[in-house]
Amino acid sequence: MKKSIYILSFLAITLFSCSNNSEDDLIDPIVIDEGEKVTYITDIKPIFENNCIFCHNDPPVNGAPISLTTFQEVSSQANSIINRISLQAGEPGIMPFGGPRLPQTSIDLVQQWIDDGLLEQ
C-alpha cells in the first residue's frame, strides 16, 4: 500500500510540476539595445511572416481584407495593426484572428518600431 502511495505521489508531482503560466514563458524576450532603432527588415518582418502572412498574403485569403507582405503595406497600416494586436484575448477584432495573442515582447517591438519612425532598414 505504501508503495502505491509513493508511486502516485511521484506521478502527481511530476505531472503538475511541468507547466508554464503563459506563452511569454516560452519565448525568449527580444532585446533592443538602448539607442538602437527597430527596423522592418530586421525586427518586424519576421513577426509578420510568422504570424500574419498565412491570411494577409498577396492576395489575402481566409477573409483578410488587406495584404501585409511588403514594407509599404505594413507601414501604411501600422497604427491599425498595433491597435488590433494589442487587444486582449477574447476581445472582438483581435489579431491574429483565431490564433493565440502575440507575445507582449512582439507587440512592444511593433510599438517601438512605430515610435522610432517606421524605419525600413
PDB file of N, CA and C in Angstrom:
ATOM      1  N   MET A   1       0.822  -1.203   0.000  1.00  0.00           N
ATOM      2  CA  MET A   1       0.000   0.000   0.000  1.00  0.00           C
ATOM      3  C   MET A   1       0.867   1.267   0.000  1.00  0.00           C
ATOM      4  N   LYS A   2       1.915   1.260   0.848  1.00  0.00           N
ATOM      5  CA  LYS A   2       2.788   2.416   0.911  1.00  0.00           C
ATOM      6  C   LYS A   2       3.471   2.644  -0.437  1.00  0.00           C
ATOM      7  N   LYS A   3       3.808   1.557  -1.099  1.00  0.00           N
ATOM      8  CA  LYS A   3       4.479   1.663  -2.393  1.00  0.00           C
ATOM      9  C   LYS A   3       3.558   2.354  -3.409  1.00  0.00           C
ATOM     10  N   SER A   4       2.290   2.033  -3.383  1.00  0.00           N
ATOM     11  CA  SER A   4       1.320   2.650  -4.289  1.00  0.00           C
ATOM     12  C   SER A   4       1.186   4.144  -4.022  1.00  0.00           C
ATOM     13  N   ILE A   5       1.178   4.524  -2.767  1.00  0.00           N
ATOM     14  CA  ILE A   5       1.073   5.936  -2.402  1.00  0.00           C
ATOM     15  C   ILE A   5       2.301   6.688  -2.893  1.00  0.00           C
ATOM     16  N   TYR A   6       3.491   6.115  -2.745  1.00  0.00           N
ATOM     17  CA  TYR A   6       4.712   6.756  -3.210  1.00  0.00           C
ATOM     18  C   TYR A   6       4.709   6.913  -4.729  1.00  0.00           C
ATOM     19  N   ILE A   7       4.258   5.908  -5.424  1.00  0.00           N
ATOM     20  CA  ILE A   7       4.218   5.970  -6.883  1.00  0.00           C
ATOM     21  C   ILE A   7       3.215   7.027  -7.339  1.00  0.00           C
ATOM     22  N   LEU A   8       2.042   7.042  -6.739  1.00  0.00           N
ATOM     23  CA  LEU A   8       1.039   8.047  -7.098  1.00  0.00           C
ATOM     24  C   LEU A   8       1.509   9.458  -6.771  1.00  0.00           C
ATOM     25  N   SER A   9       2.166   9.611  -5.644  1.00  0.00           N
ATOM     26  CA  SER A   9       2.700  10.922  -5.260  1.00  0.00           C
ATOM     27  C   SER A   9       3.762  11.377  -6.253  1.00  0.00           C
ATOM     28  N   PHE A  10       4.637  10.473  -6.629  1.00  0.00           N
ATOM     29  CA  PHE A  10       5.685  10.796  -7.597  1.00  0.00           C
ATOM     30  C   PHE A  10       5.079  11.212  -8.932  1.00  0.00           C
ATOM     31  N   LEU A  11       4.080  10.472  -9.398  1.00  0.00           N
ATOM     32  CA  LEU A  11       3.423  10.804 -10.661  1.00  0.00           C
ATOM     33  C   LEU A  11       2.722  12.156 -10.590  1.00  0.00           C
ATOM     34  N   ALA A  12       2.049  12.419  -9.491  1.00  0.00           N
ATOM     35  CA  ALA A  12       1.350  13.699  -9.330  1.00  0.00           C
ATOM     36  C   ALA A  12       2.332  14.861  -9.338  1.00  0.00           C
ATOM     37  N   ILE A  13       3.427  14.723  -8.625  1.00  0.00           N
ATOM     38  CA  ILE A  13       4.442  15.786  -8.580  1.00  0.00           C
ATOM     39  C   ILE A  13       5.027  16.000  -9.971  1.00  0.00           C
ATOM     40  N   THR A  14       5.320  14.912 -10.651  1.00  0.00           N
ATOM     41  CA  THR A  14       5.904  15.006 -11.984  1.00  0.00           C
ATOM     42  C   THR A  14       4.947  15.691 -12.957  1.00  0.00           C
ATOM     43  N   LEU A  15       3.692  15.316 -12.952  1.00  0.00           N
ATOM     44  CA  LEU A  15       2.722  15.885 -13.885  1.00  0.00           C
ATOM     45  C   LEU A  15       2.436  17.354 -13.632  1.00  0.00           C
ATOM     46  N   PHE A  16       2.343  17.746 -12.375  1.00  0.00           N
ATOM     47  CA  PHE A  16       1.948  19.112 -12.063  1.00  0.00           C
ATOM     48  C   PHE A  16       3.108  20.080 -11.914  1.00  0.00           C
ATOM     49  N   SER A  17       4.329  19.595 -11.925  1.00  0.00           N
ATOM     50  CA  SER A  17       5.464  20.497 -11.777  1.00  0.00           C
ATOM     51  C   SER A  17       5.953  21.020 -13.110  1.00  0.00           C
ATOM     52  N   CYS A  18       5.549  20.425 -14.199  1.00  0.00           N
ATOM     53  CA  CYS A  18       5.991  20.837 -15.528  1.00  0.00           C
ATOM     54  C   CYS A  18       4.893  21.644 -16.193  1.00  0.00           C
ATOM     55  N   SER A  19       4.905  22.931 -15.950  1.00  0.00           N
ATOM     56  CA  SER A  19       3.899  23.780 -16.583  1.00  0.00           C
ATOM     57  C   SER A  19       4.488  25.158 -16.807  1.00  0.00           C
ATOM     58  N   ASN A  20       3.785  25.945 -17.585  1.00  0.00           N
ATOM     59  CA  ASN A  20       4.153  27.333 -17.775  1.00  0.00           C
ATOM     60  C   ASN A  20       2.899  28.163 -17.555  1.00  0.00           C
ATOM     61  N   ASN A  21       3.098  29.418 -17.212  1.00  0.00           N
ATOM     62  CA  ASN A  21       1.962  30.269 -16.911  1.00  0.00           C
ATOM     63  C   ASN A  21       1.469  31.070 -18.110  1.00  0.00           C
ATOM     64  N   SER A  22       2.320  31.217 -19.128  1.00  0.00           N
ATOM     65  CA  SER A  22       1.907  31.974 -20.295  1.00  0.00           C
ATOM     66  C   SER A  22       2.797  31.637 -21.478  1.00  0.00           C
ATOM     67  N   GLU A  23       2.353  32.066 -22.659  1.00  0.00           N
ATOM     68  CA  GLU A  23       3.163  31.863 -23.854  1.00  0.00           C
ATOM     69  C   GLU A  23       4.457  32.654 -23.765  1.00  0.00           C
ATOM     70  N   ASP A  24       4.445  33.782 -23.047  1.00  0.00           N
ATOM     71  CA  ASP A  24       5.655  34.585 -22.912  1.00  0.00           C
ATOM     72  C   ASP A  24       6.779  33.792 -22.260  1.00  0.00           C
ATOM     73  N   ASP A  25       6.427  32.810 -21.409  1.00  0.00           N
ATOM     74  CA  ASP A  25       7.443  31.986 -20.770  1.00  0.00           C
ATOM     75  C   ASP A  25       8.195  31.136 -21.784  1.00  0.00           C
ATOM     76  N   LEU A  26       7.589  30.880 -22.927  1.00  0.00           N
ATOM     77  CA  LEU A  26       8.174  30.003 -23.922  1.00  0.00           C
ATOM     78  C   LEU A  26       8.989  30.748 -24.970  1.00  0.00           C
ATOM     79  N   ILE A  27       8.971  32.056 -24.959  1.00  0.00           N
ATOM     80  CA  ILE A  27       9.612  32.855 -25.989  1.00  0.00           C
ATOM     81  C   ILE A  27      10.688  33.720 -25.362  1.00  0.00           C
ATOM     82  N   ASP A  28      11.876  33.647 -25.949  1.00  0.00           N
ATOM     83  CA  ASP A  28      12.955  34.497 -25.465  1.00  0.00           C
ATOM     84  C   ASP A  28      12.598  35.951 -25.740  1.00  0.00           C
ATOM     85  N   PRO A  29      12.799  36.824 -24.759  1.00  0.00           N
ATOM     86  CA  PRO A  29      12.494  38.233 -24.985  1.00  0.00           C
ATOM     87  C   PRO A  29      13.416  38.823 -26.045  1.00  0.00           C
ATOM     88  N   ILE A  30      12.876  39.706 -26.859  1.00  0.00           N
ATOM     89  CA  ILE A  30      13.651  40.398 -27.872  1.00  0.00           C
ATOM     90  C   ILE A  30      14.209  41.651 -27.223  1.00  0.00           C
ATOM     91  N   VAL A  31      15.508  41.762 -27.233  1.00  0.00           N
ATOM     92  CA  VAL A  31      16.153  42.885 -26.568  1.00  0.00           C
ATOM     93  C   VAL A  31      16.776  43.799 -27.621  1.00  0.00           C
ATOM     94  N   ILE A  32      16.398  45.047 -27.589  1.00  0.00           N
ATOM     95  CA  ILE A  32      16.977  46.057 -28.459  1.00  0.00           C
ATOM     96  C   ILE A  32      17.819  46.960 -27.564  1.00  0.00           C
ATOM     97  N   ASP A  33      19.091  47.081 -27.897  1.00  0.00           N
ATOM     98  CA  ASP A  33      19.979  47.922 -27.100  1.00  0.00           C
ATOM     99  C   ASP A  33      19.511  49.365 -27.130  1.00  0.00           C
ATOM    100  N   GLU A  34      19.744  50.063 -26.024  1.00  0.00           N
ATOM    101  CA  GLU A  34      19.365  51.461 -25.926  1.00  0.00           C
ATOM    102  C   GLU A  34      20.053  52.244 -27.038  1.00  0.00           C
ATOM    103  N   GLY A  35      19.301  53.087 -27.703  1.00  0.00           N
ATOM    104  CA  GLY A  35      19.836  53.876 -28.802  1.00  0.00           C
ATOM    105  C   GLY A  35      19.719  53.179 -30.152  1.00  0.00           C
ATOM    106  N   GLU A  36      19.487  51.873 -30.152  1.00  0.00           N
ATOM    107  CA  GLU A  36      19.322  51.129 -31.396  1.00  0.00           C
ATOM    108  C   GLU A  36      17.882  51.274 -31.868  1.00  0.00           C
ATOM    109  N   LYS A  37      17.697  51.451 -33.154  1.00  0.00           N
ATOM    110  CA  LYS A  37      16.365  51.626 -33.725  1.00  0.00           C
ATOM    111  C   LYS A  37      15.826  50.292 -34.223  1.00  0.00           C
ATOM    112  N   VAL A  38      14.529  50.107 -34.098  1.00  0.00           N
ATOM    113  CA  VAL A  38      13.851  48.923 -34.609  1.00  0.00           C
ATOM    114  C   VAL A  38      13.592  49.157 -36.095  1.00  0.00           C
ATOM    115  N   THR A  39      13.907  48.144 -36.919  1.00  0.00           N
ATOM    116  CA  THR A  39      13.668  48.273 -38.350  1.00  0.00           C
ATOM    117  C   THR A  39      12.747  47.168 -38.841  1.00  0.00           C
ATOM    118  N   TYR A  40      12.087  47.451 -39.949  1.00  0.00           N
ATOM    119  CA  TYR A  40      11.160  46.490 -40.538  1.00  0.00           C
ATOM    120  C   TYR A  40      11.892  45.218 -40.947  1.00  0.00           C
ATOM    121  N   ILE A  41      12.958  45.357 -41.716  1.00  0.00           N
ATOM    122  CA  ILE A  41      13.656  44.190 -42.272  1.00  0.00           C
ATOM    123  C   ILE A  41      14.179  43.274 -41.165  1.00  0.00           C
ATOM    124  N   THR A  42      14.836  43.825 -40.176  1.00  0.00           N
ATOM    125  CA  THR A  42      15.478  43.017 -39.136  1.00  0.00           C
ATOM    126  C   THR A  42      14.514  42.530 -38.069  1.00  0.00           C
ATOM    127  N   ASP A  43      13.607  43.388 -37.631  1.00  0.00           N
ATOM    128  CA  ASP A  43      12.816  43.097 -36.432  1.00  0.00           C
ATOM    129  C   ASP A  43      11.339  42.806 -36.678  1.00  0.00           C
ATOM    130  N   ILE A  44      10.720  43.526 -37.592  1.00  0.00           N
ATOM    131  CA  ILE A  44       9.264  43.455 -37.756  1.00  0.00           C
ATOM    132  C   ILE A  44       8.835  42.428 -38.797  1.00  0.00           C
ATOM    133  N   LYS A  45       9.524  42.367 -39.903  1.00  0.00           N
ATOM    134  CA  LYS A  45       9.163  41.429 -40.971  1.00  0.00           C
ATOM    135  C   LYS A  45       9.062  39.988 -40.472  1.00  0.00           C
ATOM    136  N   PRO A  46      10.018  39.505 -39.637  1.00  0.00           N
ATOM    137  CA  PRO A  46       9.877  38.123 -39.133  1.00  0.00           C
ATOM    138  C   PRO A  46       8.604  37.898 -38.314  1.00  0.00           C
ATOM    139  N   ILE A  47       8.169  38.889 -37.565  1.00  0.00           N
ATOM    140  CA  ILE A  47       6.931  38.768 -36.791  1.00  0.00           C
ATOM    141  C   ILE A  47       5.750  38.566 -37.739  1.00  0.00           C
ATOM    142  N   PHE A  48       5.699  39.358 -38.812  1.00  0.00           N
ATOM    143  CA  PHE A  48       4.596  39.261 -39.768  1.00  0.00           C
ATOM    144  C   PHE A  48       4.673  37.967 -40.568  1.00  0.00           C
ATOM    145  N   GLU A  49       5.864  37.559 -40.938  1.00  0.00           N
ATOM    146  CA  GLU A  49       5.999  36.304 -41.681  1.00  0.00           C
ATOM    147  C   GLU A  49       5.541  35.109 -40.852  1.00  0.00           C
ATOM    148  N   ASN A  50       5.780  35.130 -39.556  1.00  0.00           N
ATOM    149  CA  ASN A  50       5.427  34.010 -38.688  1.00  0.00           C
ATOM    150  C   ASN A  50       3.988  34.042 -38.186  1.00  0.00           C
ATOM    151  N   ASN A  51       3.338  35.202 -38.231  1.00  0.00           N
ATOM    152  CA  ASN A  51       2.024  35.316 -37.598  1.00  0.00           C
ATOM    153  C   ASN A  51       0.904  35.871 -38.472  1.00  0.00           C
ATOM    154  N   CYS A  52       1.227  36.531 -39.569  1.00  0.00           N
ATOM    155  CA  CYS A  52       0.202  37.259 -40.308  1.00  0.00           C
ATOM    156  C   CYS A  52       0.040  36.817 -41.758  1.00  0.00           C
ATOM    157  N   ILE A  53       1.120  36.394 -42.382  1.00  0.00           N
ATOM    158  CA  ILE A  53       1.118  36.119 -43.814  1.00  0.00           C
ATOM    159  C   ILE A  53       0.202  34.958 -44.188  1.00  0.00           C
ATOM    160  N   PHE A  54      -0.091  34.090 -43.251  1.00  0.00           N
ATOM    161  CA  PHE A  54      -0.990  32.974 -43.551  1.00  0.00           C
ATOM    162  C   PHE A  54      -2.297  33.476 -44.151  1.00  0.00           C
ATOM    163  N   CYS A  55      -2.812  34.579 -43.634  1.00  0.00           N
ATOM    164  CA  CYS A  55      -4.048  35.158 -44.169  1.00  0.00           C
ATOM    165  C   CYS A  55      -3.785  36.430 -44.986  1.00  0.00           C
ATOM    166  N   HIS A  56      -2.874  37.256 -44.512  1.00  0.00           N
ATOM    167  CA  HIS A  56      -2.614  38.558 -45.142  1.00  0.00           C
ATOM    168  C   HIS A  56      -1.537  38.437 -46.211  1.00  0.00           C
ATOM    169  N   ASN A  57      -1.695  37.444 -47.084  1.00  0.00           N
ATOM    170  CA  ASN A  57      -0.751  37.209 -48.160  1.00  0.00           C
ATOM    171  C   ASN A  57      -1.129  38.082 -49.356  1.00  0.00           C
ATOM    172  N   ASP A  58      -0.490  37.862 -50.477  1.00  0.00           N
ATOM    173  CA  ASP A  58      -0.815  38.592 -51.692  1.00  0.00           C
ATOM    174  C   ASP A  58      -1.220  37.597 -52.757  1.00  0.00           C
ATOM    175  N   PRO A  59      -2.491  37.383 -52.991  1.00  0.00           N
ATOM    176  CA  PRO A  59      -3.650  38.087 -52.450  1.00  0.00           C
ATOM    177  C   PRO A  59      -4.038  37.550 -51.075  1.00  0.00           C
ATOM    178  N   PRO A  60      -4.751  38.380 -50.309  1.00  0.00           N
ATOM    179  CA  PRO A  60      -5.209  37.955 -48.989  1.00  0.00           C
ATOM    180  C   PRO A  60      -6.173  36.768 -49.099  1.00  0.00           C
ATOM    181  N   VAL A  61      -6.154  35.903 -48.073  1.00  0.00           N
ATOM    182  CA  VAL A  61      -7.036  34.735 -48.032  1.00  0.00           C
ATOM    183  C   VAL A  61      -7.738  34.664 -46.677  1.00  0.00           C
ATOM    184  N   ASN A  62      -8.662  33.723 -46.542  1.00  0.00           N
ATOM    185  CA  ASN A  62      -9.385  33.494 -45.284  1.00  0.00           C
ATOM    186  C   ASN A  62     -10.108  34.732 -44.772  1.00  0.00           C
ATOM    187  N   GLY A  63     -10.569  35.577 -45.679  1.00  0.00           N
ATOM    188  CA  GLY A  63     -11.335  36.753 -45.290  1.00  0.00           C
ATOM    189  C   GLY A  63     -10.517  37.968 -44.892  1.00  0.00           C
ATOM    190  N   ALA A  64      -9.184  37.870 -44.956  1.00  0.00           N
ATOM    191  CA  ALA A  64      -8.351  39.028 -44.626  1.00  0.00           C
ATOM    192  C   ALA A  64      -8.591  40.132 -45.654  1.00  0.00           C
ATOM    193  N   PRO A  65      -8.760  41.378 -45.202  1.00  0.00           N
ATOM    194  CA  PRO A  65      -9.100  42.448 -46.139  1.00  0.00           C
ATOM    195  C   PRO A  65      -7.901  43.049 -46.880  1.00  0.00           C
ATOM    196  N   ILE A  66      -6.694  42.871 -46.331  1.00  0.00           N
ATOM    197  CA  ILE A  66      -5.519  43.507 -46.931  1.00  0.00           C
ATOM    198  C   ILE A  66      -4.330  42.557 -46.924  1.00  0.00           C
ATOM    199  N   SER A  67      -3.390  42.835 -47.812  1.00  0.00           N
ATOM    200  CA  SER A  67      -2.120  42.120 -47.841  1.00  0.00           C
ATOM    201  C   SER A  67      -1.144  42.843 -46.917  1.00  0.00           C
ATOM    202  N   LEU A  68      -0.313  42.073 -46.209  1.00  0.00           N
ATOM    203  CA  LEU A  68       0.731  42.643 -45.348  1.00  0.00           C
ATOM    204  C   LEU A  68       2.067  41.978 -45.660  1.00  0.00           C
ATOM    205  N   THR A  69       2.418  41.955 -46.943  1.00  0.00           N
ATOM    206  CA  THR A  69       3.634  41.252 -47.351  1.00  0.00           C
ATOM    207  C   THR A  69       4.813  42.171 -47.629  1.00  0.00           C
ATOM    208  N   THR A  70       4.565  43.475 -47.730  1.00  0.00           N
ATOM    209  CA  THR A  70       5.652  44.404 -48.040  1.00  0.00           C
ATOM    210  C   THR A  70       5.775  45.470 -46.963  1.00  0.00           C
ATOM    211  N   PHE A  71       6.912  46.125 -46.967  1.00  0.00           N
ATOM    212  CA  PHE A  71       7.140  47.233 -46.040  1.00  0.00           C
ATOM    213  C   PHE A  71       6.073  48.306 -46.210  1.00  0.00           C
ATOM    214  N   GLN A  72       5.758  48.659 -47.461  1.00  0.00           N
ATOM    215  CA  GLN A  72       4.786  49.717 -47.718  1.00  0.00           C
ATOM    216  C   GLN A  72       3.419  49.346 -47.151  1.00  0.00           C
ATOM    217  N   GLU A  73       3.000  48.103 -47.342  1.00  0.00           N
ATOM    218  CA  GLU A  73       1.691  47.672 -46.847  1.00  0.00           C
ATOM    219  C   GLU A  73       1.633  47.687 -45.324  1.00  0.00           C
ATOM    220  N   VAL A  74       2.675  47.175 -44.688  1.00  0.00           N
ATOM    221  CA  VAL A  74       2.687  47.104 -43.227  1.00  0.00           C
ATOM    222  C   VAL A  74       2.819  48.501 -42.620  1.00  0.00           C
ATOM    223  N   SER A  75       3.721  49.312 -43.147  1.00  0.00           N
ATOM    224  CA  SER A  75       3.931  50.640 -42.558  1.00  0.00           C
ATOM    225  C   SER A  75       2.708  51.537 -42.737  1.00  0.00           C
ATOM    226  N   SER A  76       1.983  51.386 -43.854  1.00  0.00           N
ATOM    227  CA  SER A  76       0.794  52.225 -44.067  1.00  0.00           C
ATOM    228  C   SER A  76      -0.353  51.835 -43.127  1.00  0.00           C
ATOM    229  N   GLN A  77      -0.316  50.622 -42.593  1.00  0.00           N
ATOM    230  CA  GLN A  77      -1.366  50.139 -41.697  1.00  0.00           C
ATOM    231  C   GLN A  77      -0.890  50.013 -40.243  1.00  0.00           C
ATOM    232  N   ALA A  78       0.283  50.535 -39.941  1.00  0.00           N
ATOM    233  CA  ALA A  78       0.928  50.306 -38.638  1.00  0.00           C
ATOM    234  C   ALA A  78       0.037  50.668 -37.445  1.00  0.00           C
ATOM    235  N   ASN A  79      -0.624  51.805 -37.492  1.00  0.00           N
ATOM    236  CA  ASN A  79      -1.454  52.208 -36.347  1.00  0.00           C
ATOM    237  C   ASN A  79      -2.642  51.280 -36.159  1.00  0.00           C
ATOM    238  N   SER A  80      -3.260  50.880 -37.246  1.00  0.00           N
ATOM    239  CA  SER A  80      -4.375  49.928 -37.165  1.00  0.00           C
ATOM    240  C   SER A  80      -3.884  48.574 -36.652  1.00  0.00           C
ATOM    241  N   ILE A  81      -2.720  48.150 -37.132  1.00  0.00           N
ATOM    242  CA  ILE A  81      -2.154  46.862 -36.726  1.00  0.00           C
ATOM    243  C   ILE A  81      -1.872  46.850 -35.231  1.00  0.00           C
ATOM    244  N   ILE A  82      -1.224  47.890 -34.718  1.00  0.00           N
ATOM    245  CA  ILE A  82      -0.886  47.895 -33.284  1.00  0.00           C
ATOM    246  C   ILE A  82      -2.155  47.895 -32.437  1.00  0.00           C
ATOM    247  N   ASN A  83      -3.191  48.575 -32.905  1.00  0.00           N
ATOM    248  CA  ASN A  83      -4.456  48.564 -32.163  1.00  0.00           C
ATOM    249  C   ASN A  83      -5.054  47.164 -32.114  1.00  0.00           C
ATOM    250  N   ARG A  84      -4.985  46.427 -33.209  1.00  0.00           N
ATOM    251  CA  ARG A  84      -5.582  45.086 -33.283  1.00  0.00           C
ATOM    252  C   ARG A  84      -4.769  44.052 -32.506  1.00  0.00           C
ATOM    253  N   ILE A  85      -3.442  44.112 -32.599  1.00  0.00           N
ATOM    254  CA  ILE A  85      -2.625  43.105 -31.901  1.00  0.00           C
ATOM    255  C   ILE A  85      -2.516  43.391 -30.407  1.00  0.00           C
ATOM    256  N   SER A  86      -2.860  44.612 -30.002  1.00  0.00           N
ATOM    257  CA  SER A  86      -2.800  44.974 -28.581  1.00  0.00           C
ATOM    258  C   SER A  86      -4.052  44.579 -27.804  1.00  0.00           C
ATOM    259  N   LEU A  87      -5.110  44.194 -28.519  1.00  0.00           N
ATOM    260  CA  LEU A  87      -6.331  43.768 -27.834  1.00  0.00           C
ATOM    261  C   LEU A  87      -6.063  42.520 -27.000  1.00  0.00           C
ATOM    262  N   GLN A  88      -6.864  42.326 -25.976  1.00  0.00           N
ATOM    263  CA  GLN A  88      -6.730  41.155 -25.120  1.00  0.00           C
ATOM    264  C   GLN A  88      -7.481  39.975 -25.715  1.00  0.00           C
ATOM    265  N   ALA A  89      -7.048  38.782 -25.371  1.00  0.00           N
ATOM    266  CA  ALA A  89      -7.698  37.564 -25.860  1.00  0.00           C
ATOM    267  C   ALA A  89      -9.194  37.637 -25.582  1.00  0.00           C
ATOM    268  N   GLY A  90      -9.985  37.297 -26.586  1.00  0.00           N
ATOM    269  CA  GLY A  90     -11.435  37.299 -26.448  1.00  0.00           C
ATOM    270  C   GLY A  90     -12.103  38.583 -26.897  1.00  0.00           C
ATOM    271  N   GLU A  91     -11.342  39.667 -27.038  1.00  0.00           N
ATOM    272  CA  GLU A  91     -11.933  40.919 -27.496  1.00  0.00           C
ATOM    273  C   GLU A  91     -12.182  40.844 -29.002  1.00  0.00           C
ATOM    274  N   PRO A  92     -13.289  41.428 -29.468  1.00  0.00           N
ATOM    275  CA  PRO A  92     -13.563  41.396 -30.904  1.00  0.00           C
ATOM    276  C   PRO A  92     -12.503  42.178 -31.681  1.00  0.00           C
ATOM    277  N   GLY A  93     -12.071  41.594 -32.801  1.00  0.00           N
ATOM    278  CA  GLY A  93     -11.103  42.262 -33.667  1.00  0.00           C
ATOM    279  C   GLY A  93      -9.653  41.935 -33.381  1.00  0.00           C
ATOM    280  N   ILE A  94      -9.386  41.112 -32.365  1.00  0.00           N
ATOM    281  CA  ILE A  94      -8.008  40.794 -32.035  1.00  0.00           C
ATOM    282  C   ILE A  94      -7.338  40.050 -33.196  1.00  0.00           C
ATOM    283  N   MET A  95      -6.100  40.369 -33.413  1.00  0.00           N
ATOM    284  CA  MET A  95      -5.288  39.684 -34.405  1.00  0.00           C
ATOM    285  C   MET A  95      -4.084  39.085 -33.691  1.00  0.00           C
ATOM    286  N   PRO A  96      -3.605  37.969 -34.158  1.00  0.00           N
ATOM    287  CA  PRO A  96      -4.067  37.200 -35.301  1.00  0.00           C
ATOM    288  C   PRO A  96      -5.399  36.513 -35.011  1.00  0.00           C
ATOM    289  N   PHE A  97      -6.268  36.556 -36.017  1.00  0.00           N
ATOM    290  CA  PHE A  97      -7.616  36.010 -35.903  1.00  0.00           C
ATOM    291  C   PHE A  97      -7.558  34.495 -35.710  1.00  0.00           C
ATOM    292  N   GLY A  98      -8.200  34.022 -34.675  1.00  0.00           N
ATOM    293  CA  GLY A  98      -8.284  32.588 -34.426  1.00  0.00           C
ATOM    294  C   GLY A  98      -7.037  31.976 -33.818  1.00  0.00           C
ATOM    295  N   GLY A  99      -6.006  32.758 -33.646  1.00  0.00           N
ATOM    296  CA  GLY A  99      -4.772  32.227 -33.069  1.00  0.00           C
ATOM    297  C   GLY A  99      -4.524  32.813 -31.699  1.00  0.00           C
ATOM    298  N   PRO A 100      -3.450  32.406 -31.064  1.00  0.00           N
ATOM    299  CA  PRO A 100      -3.140  32.998 -29.766  1.00  0.00           C
ATOM    300  C   PRO A 100      -2.659  34.441 -29.934  1.00  0.00           C
ATOM    301  N   ARG A 101      -2.859  35.217 -28.914  1.00  0.00           N
ATOM    302  CA  ARG A 101      -2.380  36.607 -28.896  1.00  0.00           C
ATOM    303  C   ARG A 101      -0.869  36.593 -29.045  1.00  0.00           C
ATOM    304  N   LEU A 102      -0.342  37.565 -29.758  1.00  0.00           N
ATOM    305  CA  LEU A 102       1.106  37.664 -29.898  1.00  0.00           C
ATOM    306  C   LEU A 102       1.734  37.883 -28.527  1.00  0.00           C
ATOM    307  N   PRO A 103       2.962  37.403 -28.336  1.00  0.00           N
ATOM    308  CA  PRO A 103       3.655  37.681 -27.078  1.00  0.00           C
ATOM    309  C   PRO A 103       3.811  39.196 -26.888  1.00  0.00           C
ATOM    310  N   GLN A 104       3.752  39.632 -25.661  1.00  0.00           N
ATOM    311  CA  GLN A 104       3.850  41.067 -25.380  1.00  0.00           C
ATOM    312  C   GLN A 104       5.154  41.643 -25.907  1.00  0.00           C
ATOM    313  N   THR A 105       6.230  40.859 -25.918  1.00  0.00           N
ATOM    314  CA  THR A 105       7.512  41.361 -26.429  1.00  0.00           C
ATOM    315  C   THR A 105       7.407  41.711 -27.915  1.00  0.00           C
ATOM    316  N   SER A 106       6.650  40.935 -28.675  1.00  0.00           N
ATOM    317  CA  SER A 106       6.457  41.237 -30.102  1.00  0.00           C
ATOM    318  C   SER A 106       5.594  42.488 -30.280  1.00  0.00           C
ATOM    319  N   ILE A 107       4.562  42.608 -29.472  1.00  0.00           N
ATOM    320  CA  ILE A 107       3.700  43.796 -29.535  1.00  0.00           C
ATOM    321  C   ILE A 107       4.509  45.044 -29.181  1.00  0.00           C
ATOM    322  N   ASP A 108       5.325  44.947 -28.147  1.00  0.00           N
ATOM    323  CA  ASP A 108       6.170  46.077 -27.741  1.00  0.00           C
ATOM    324  C   ASP A 108       7.158  46.449 -28.839  1.00  0.00           C
ATOM    325  N   LEU A 109       7.663  45.451 -29.543  1.00  0.00           N
ATOM    326  CA  LEU A 109       8.616  45.708 -30.628  1.00  0.00           C
ATOM    327  C   LEU A 109       7.935  46.451 -31.777  1.00  0.00           C
ATOM    328  N   VAL A 110       6.719  46.058 -32.119  1.00  0.00           N
ATOM    329  CA  VAL A 110       5.971  46.769 -33.164  1.00  0.00           C
ATOM    330  C   VAL A 110       5.713  48.212 -32.716  1.00  0.00           C
ATOM    331  N   GLN A 111       5.353  48.411 -31.455  1.00  0.00           N
ATOM    332  CA  GLN A 111       5.125  49.768 -30.952  1.00  0.00           C
ATOM    333  C   GLN A 111       6.404  50.590 -31.001  1.00  0.00           C
ATOM    334  N   GLN A 112       7.531  49.982 -30.645  1.00  0.00           N
ATOM    335  CA  GLN A 112       8.804  50.706 -30.694  1.00  0.00           C
ATOM    336  C   GLN A 112       9.154  51.056 -32.140  1.00  0.00           C
ATOM    337  N   TRP A 113       8.861  50.152 -33.074  1.00  0.00           N
ATOM    338  CA  TRP A 113       9.112  50.431 -34.490  1.00  0.00           C
ATOM    339  C   TRP A 113       8.311  51.659 -34.933  1.00  0.00           C
ATOM    340  N   ILE A 114       7.055  51.736 -34.520  1.00  0.00           N
ATOM    341  CA  ILE A 114       6.225  52.901 -34.839  1.00  0.00           C
ATOM    342  C   ILE A 114       6.828  54.154 -34.204  1.00  0.00           C
ATOM    343  N   ASP A 115       7.182  54.052 -32.918  1.00  0.00           N
ATOM    344  CA  ASP A 115       7.761  55.197 -32.208  1.00  0.00           C
ATOM    345  C   ASP A 115       9.095  55.652 -32.811  1.00  0.00           C
ATOM    346  N   ASP A 116       9.858  54.683 -33.350  1.00  0.00           N
ATOM    347  CA  ASP A 116      11.155  55.010 -33.961  1.00  0.00           C
ATOM    348  C   ASP A 116      11.019  55.616 -35.357  1.00  0.00           C
ATOM    349  N   GLY A 117       9.807  55.639 -35.896  1.00  0.00           N
ATOM    350  CA  GLY A 117       9.604  56.297 -37.191  1.00  0.00           C
ATOM    351  C   GLY A 117       9.379  55.361 -38.363  1.00  0.00           C
ATOM    352  N   LEU A 118       9.002  54.110 -38.111  1.00  0.00           N
ATOM    353  CA  LEU A 118       8.696  53.152 -39.165  1.00  0.00           C
ATOM    354  C   LEU A 118       9.850  52.980 -40.150  1.00  0.00           C
ATOM    355  N   LEU A 119      11.023  52.710 -39.622  1.00  0.00           N
ATOM    356  CA  LEU A 119      12.222  52.553 -40.463  1.00  0.00           C
ATOM    357  C   LEU A 119      12.196  51.223 -41.203  1.00  0.00           C
ATOM    358  N   GLU A 120      12.606  51.259 -42.475  1.00  0.00           N
ATOM    359  CA  GLU A 120      12.649  50.033 -43.267  1.00  0.00           C
ATOM    360  C   GLU A 120      13.929  49.242 -42.968  1.00  0.00           C
ATOM    361  N   GLN A 121      15.070  49.932 -42.988  1.00  0.00           N
ATOM    362  CA  GLN A 121      16.359  49.252 -42.737  1.00  0.00           C
ATOM    363  C   GLN A 121      17.173  49.984 -41.705  1.00  0.00           C
TER     364      GLN A 121
END
